[in-house]
């Protein structure tokens, strides 16, 4: 059994937002600071049973991605609503040593967006090959409403579109956040991977070469840039 954490450590976890909670069916010792005034114990009552919070290990320990900081250069992408598609187009072109002018970048980005629309909105047979994307879409809105919105050139792409495009383009994609955003106001200059799509294409499949990863930076408010 793991050693019991000291009150000081527990309070520090609570302060920094790293504490993990679980419900137990019997009271546990209260958490208090020595020489401080006692605080009322918070609990939930249900059918005359009381439940108390128990502190677990810090959440960060359970997330390998959050322990890894990587270094890249940022290639900025226009924030016109197409940023996810633009960043992906730029990344795939970069991996093939192809240079795109602004018009080509915009047109190719719109082609990716419409490819997602064709798969999800126009093809009943293909749509069911992207169940994860369908779940992500319909959590917040109806499929009909989604199909109306994705027609617009300023449609903001996100996880649903990455789930589709990683398979459709057979492209491994890793999404990062800035280290300083994860550190809550820190000054780190690296990037932390938070999600990966199309990982199976990194190694290549039968009769198919391995694909280079496209690295996207998600930062601020729903904006994507490219990392190279």
Protein backbone atom coordinates (compact mmCIF):
# COMPACT_ATOMS: atom_id res chain seq x y z
CA UNK A 1 0.00 0.00 0.00
CA UNK A 2 1.40 3.43 -0.94
CA UNK A 3 2.56 5.71 1.84
CA UNK A 4 -0.01 8.19 3.01
CA UNK A 5 0.54 11.68 1.63
CA UNK A 6 1.17 14.47 4.12
CA UNK A 7 -1.40 17.22 4.55
CA UNK A 8 1.01 19.72 3.04
CA UNK A 9 1.43 17.68 -0.14
CA UNK A 10 -2.32 17.13 -0.42
CA UNK A 11 -3.07 20.81 0.02
CA UNK A 12 -0.47 21.71 -2.61
CA UNK A 13 -2.14 19.29 -5.05
CA UNK A 14 -5.50 20.91 -4.36
CA UNK A 15 -4.05 24.40 -4.82
CA UNK A 16 -2.46 23.53 -8.17
CA UNK A 17 -5.43 21.55 -9.47
CA UNK A 18 -3.58 18.21 -9.66
CA UNK A 19 -5.59 16.31 -7.04
CA UNK A 20 -7.57 13.27 -8.07
CA UNK A 21 -10.76 12.32 -6.21
CA UNK A 22 -12.72 9.15 -5.63
CA UNK A 23 -15.73 8.38 -3.45
CA UNK A 24 -15.33 6.17 -0.38
CA UNK A 25 -18.11 4.88 1.80
CA UNK A 26 -16.54 5.65 5.17
CA UNK A 27 -15.07 8.82 6.69
CA UNK A 28 -11.39 9.55 6.18
CA UNK A 29 -9.22 11.86 8.30
CA UNK A 30 -9.81 15.53 7.59
CA UNK A 31 -7.28 17.65 5.79
CA UNK A 32 -6.23 20.70 7.77
CA UNK A 33 -3.32 23.04 8.24
CA UNK A 34 -1.71 22.91 11.72
CA UNK A 35 -2.82 25.71 14.02
CA UNK A 36 -5.56 26.79 11.65
CA UNK A 37 -9.25 27.04 12.43
CA UNK A 38 -11.17 23.84 11.59
CA UNK A 39 -13.35 23.99 8.50
CA UNK A 40 -16.75 22.29 8.09
CA UNK A 41 -16.48 18.89 6.36
CA UNK A 42 -18.15 18.89 2.94
CA UNK A 43 -20.10 15.77 2.06
CA UNK A 44 -22.97 14.44 -0.03
CA UNK A 45 -25.86 12.68 1.60
CA UNK A 46 -27.88 9.99 -0.16
CA UNK A 47 -30.19 7.50 1.57
CA UNK A 48 -28.53 8.42 4.88
CA UNK A 49 -25.03 7.42 3.60
CA UNK A 50 -22.23 9.98 3.69
CA UNK A 51 -19.46 10.07 1.14
CA UNK A 52 -16.09 11.74 1.57
CA UNK A 53 -13.38 12.75 -0.88
CA UNK A 54 -10.11 10.85 -0.90
CA UNK A 55 -6.98 12.24 -2.54
CA UNK A 56 -5.25 10.17 -5.23
CA UNK A 57 -1.96 10.58 -7.13
CA UNK A 58 -1.39 13.73 -9.21
CA UNK A 59 -3.10 13.55 -12.58
CA UNK A 60 0.04 14.57 -14.46
CA UNK A 61 1.75 11.28 -13.53
CA UNK A 62 -0.85 9.36 -15.53
CA UNK A 63 -0.31 11.32 -18.78
CA UNK A 64 2.90 10.33 -20.62
CA UNK A 65 2.29 12.91 -23.36
CA UNK A 66 2.28 15.73 -20.84
CA UNK A 67 5.72 14.72 -19.58
CA UNK A 68 7.30 15.15 -23.01
CA UNK A 69 8.32 18.57 -24.30
CA UNK A 70 9.46 18.78 -27.92
CA UNK A 71 11.12 21.58 -29.90
CA UNK A 72 10.02 22.79 -33.33
CA UNK A 73 9.68 25.95 -35.39
CA UNK A 74 6.28 27.49 -36.00
CA UNK A 75 4.97 28.21 -39.48
CA UNK A 76 2.09 30.62 -39.04
CA UNK A 77 -1.22 30.00 -40.78
CA UNK A 78 -3.84 32.59 -41.70
CA UNK A 79 -6.70 32.72 -39.20
CA UNK A 80 -9.55 32.88 -41.69
CA UNK A 81 -11.54 29.89 -40.41
CA UNK A 82 -9.59 27.51 -42.64
CA UNK A 83 -6.60 27.34 -40.29
CA UNK A 84 -6.84 23.61 -39.53
CA UNK A 85 -7.11 22.72 -43.22
CA UNK A 86 -4.44 25.24 -44.19
CA UNK A 87 -2.01 23.88 -41.60
CA UNK A 88 -2.60 20.31 -42.73
CA UNK A 89 -2.13 21.25 -46.41
CA UNK A 90 1.08 23.13 -45.60
CA UNK A 91 2.38 20.20 -43.56
CA UNK A 92 1.72 17.58 -46.23
CA UNK A 93 3.31 19.82 -48.86
CA UNK A 94 6.32 20.49 -46.62
CA UNK A 95 6.87 16.75 -46.16
CA UNK A 96 7.02 16.38 -49.95
CA UNK A 97 9.29 19.43 -50.36
CA UNK A 98 6.52 21.25 -52.25
CA UNK A 99 6.02 25.00 -51.93
CA UNK A 100 2.48 26.36 -52.15
CA UNK A 101 1.53 29.94 -53.00
CA UNK A 102 -1.31 31.56 -51.01
CA UNK A 103 -3.94 30.75 -53.65
CA UNK A 104 -2.92 27.09 -53.84
CA UNK A 105 -2.89 26.83 -50.07
CA UNK A 106 -6.42 28.27 -49.81
CA UNK A 107 -7.80 26.13 -52.63
CA UNK A 108 -6.23 22.93 -51.29
CA UNK A 109 -7.54 23.72 -47.80
CA UNK A 110 -11.06 24.09 -49.20
CA UNK A 111 -10.65 20.80 -51.06
CA UNK A 112 -9.84 19.05 -47.77
CA UNK A 113 -12.89 20.59 -46.12
CA UNK A 114 -15.14 19.49 -48.96
CA UNK A 115 -13.62 16.01 -48.90
CA UNK A 116 -14.77 15.70 -45.29
CA UNK A 117 -18.22 16.93 -46.30
CA UNK A 118 -18.45 14.38 -49.12
CA UNK A 119 -17.56 11.51 -46.80
CA UNK A 120 -19.73 12.51 -43.85
CA UNK A 121 -22.68 14.17 -45.56
CA UNK A 122 -22.97 12.64 -49.02
CA UNK A 123 -21.90 9.01 -48.78
CA UNK A 124 -23.96 6.79 -46.47
CA UNK A 125 -21.69 3.81 -47.02
CA UNK A 126 -18.41 5.59 -46.33
CA UNK A 127 -19.81 7.61 -43.43
CA UNK A 128 -20.04 4.55 -41.22
CA UNK A 129 -16.31 3.93 -41.56
CA UNK A 130 -15.80 7.08 -39.49
CA UNK A 131 -17.85 6.28 -36.40
CA UNK A 132 -15.54 8.17 -34.03
CA UNK A 133 -15.94 11.32 -36.09
CA UNK A 134 -19.72 10.91 -36.20
CA UNK A 135 -19.85 10.60 -32.42
CA UNK A 136 -17.71 13.72 -31.99
CA UNK A 137 -19.92 15.64 -34.42
CA UNK A 138 -23.30 14.67 -33.00
CA UNK A 139 -22.36 15.32 -29.38
CA UNK A 140 -22.94 19.04 -29.95
CA UNK A 141 -25.22 19.29 -32.98
CA UNK A 142 -27.29 17.33 -35.46
CA UNK A 143 -25.62 15.85 -38.52
CA UNK A 144 -27.90 17.99 -40.71
CA UNK A 145 -26.74 21.19 -39.04
CA UNK A 146 -23.09 20.09 -39.31
CA UNK A 147 -23.49 19.42 -43.04
CA UNK A 148 -24.92 22.90 -43.51
CA UNK A 149 -22.04 24.56 -41.66
CA UNK A 150 -19.19 22.68 -43.33
CA UNK A 151 -20.26 24.14 -46.68
CA UNK A 152 -18.95 27.52 -45.52
CA UNK A 153 -15.31 28.46 -46.26
CA UNK A 154 -14.92 29.90 -42.73
CA UNK A 155 -15.95 26.59 -41.11
CA UNK A 156 -13.66 25.83 -38.15
CA UNK A 157 -12.22 22.33 -38.26
CA UNK A 158 -11.29 20.31 -35.20
CA UNK A 159 -11.08 16.77 -33.89
CA UNK A 160 -13.91 15.40 -36.05
CA UNK A 161 -12.19 16.55 -39.23
CA UNK A 162 -8.80 15.25 -38.07
CA UNK A 163 -10.35 11.83 -37.45
CA UNK A 164 -11.66 11.81 -41.02
CA UNK A 165 -8.68 13.33 -42.81
CA UNK A 166 -6.06 11.20 -41.08
CA UNK A 167 -7.74 8.12 -42.58
CA UNK A 168 -8.84 9.66 -45.84
CA UNK A 169 -5.34 11.00 -46.59
CA UNK A 170 -3.63 8.10 -44.82
CA UNK A 171 -1.73 10.74 -42.90
CA UNK A 172 -0.33 10.54 -39.35
CA UNK A 173 -1.10 13.78 -37.51
CA UNK A 174 0.05 14.88 -34.07
CA UNK A 175 -1.51 17.89 -32.32
CA UNK A 176 0.51 19.92 -29.83
CA UNK A 177 -0.12 22.77 -27.42
CA UNK A 178 2.46 25.37 -26.37
CA UNK A 179 4.35 24.41 -23.25
CA UNK A 180 3.59 27.76 -21.63
CA UNK A 181 -0.17 27.25 -22.06
CA UNK A 182 -0.01 23.88 -20.31
CA UNK A 183 2.11 25.42 -17.53
CA UNK A 184 -0.63 27.98 -16.79
CA UNK A 185 1.31 31.14 -17.40
CA UNK A 186 4.78 29.60 -17.47
CA UNK A 187 7.49 30.61 -19.90
CA UNK A 188 8.39 27.32 -21.59
CA UNK A 189 9.15 27.59 -25.30
CA UNK A 190 8.56 23.94 -26.25
CA UNK A 191 5.49 22.04 -27.38
CA UNK A 192 3.57 19.20 -25.75
CA UNK A 193 1.78 16.50 -27.81
CA UNK A 194 -1.84 16.05 -26.74
CA UNK A 195 -3.42 13.92 -29.49
CA UNK A 196 -2.46 11.69 -32.41
CA UNK A 197 -4.49 10.62 -35.41
CA UNK A 198 -3.63 8.05 -38.08
CA UNK A 199 -0.78 6.55 -36.05
CA UNK A 200 -1.05 3.33 -38.08
CA UNK A 201 0.30 5.17 -41.14
CA UNK A 202 3.58 6.10 -39.42
CA UNK A 203 5.02 2.64 -40.03
CA UNK A 204 3.35 2.08 -43.35
CA UNK A 205 0.96 -0.66 -44.35
CA UNK A 206 1.33 -3.55 -46.79
CA UNK A 207 2.68 -2.28 -50.15
CA UNK A 208 2.68 1.26 -48.79
CA UNK A 209 5.50 3.44 -47.53
CA UNK A 210 5.53 4.95 -44.07
CA UNK A 211 4.22 8.50 -44.01
CA UNK A 212 5.93 11.46 -42.40
CA UNK A 213 4.02 13.01 -39.51
CA UNK A 214 2.32 16.38 -39.86
CA UNK A 215 2.58 18.30 -36.59
CA UNK A 216 -0.11 20.87 -35.82
CA UNK A 217 0.02 23.46 -33.06
CA UNK A 218 -3.28 24.21 -31.33
CA UNK A 219 -3.11 27.45 -29.39
CA UNK A 220 -5.17 30.34 -28.15
CA UNK A 221 -8.79 30.16 -29.19
CA UNK A 222 -9.33 27.42 -31.77
CA UNK A 223 -6.35 28.29 -33.95
CA UNK A 224 -3.96 25.89 -35.67
CA UNK A 225 -0.45 26.55 -36.97
CA UNK A 226 2.13 24.17 -38.42
CA UNK A 227 5.18 22.85 -36.56
CA UNK A 228 8.25 21.84 -38.57
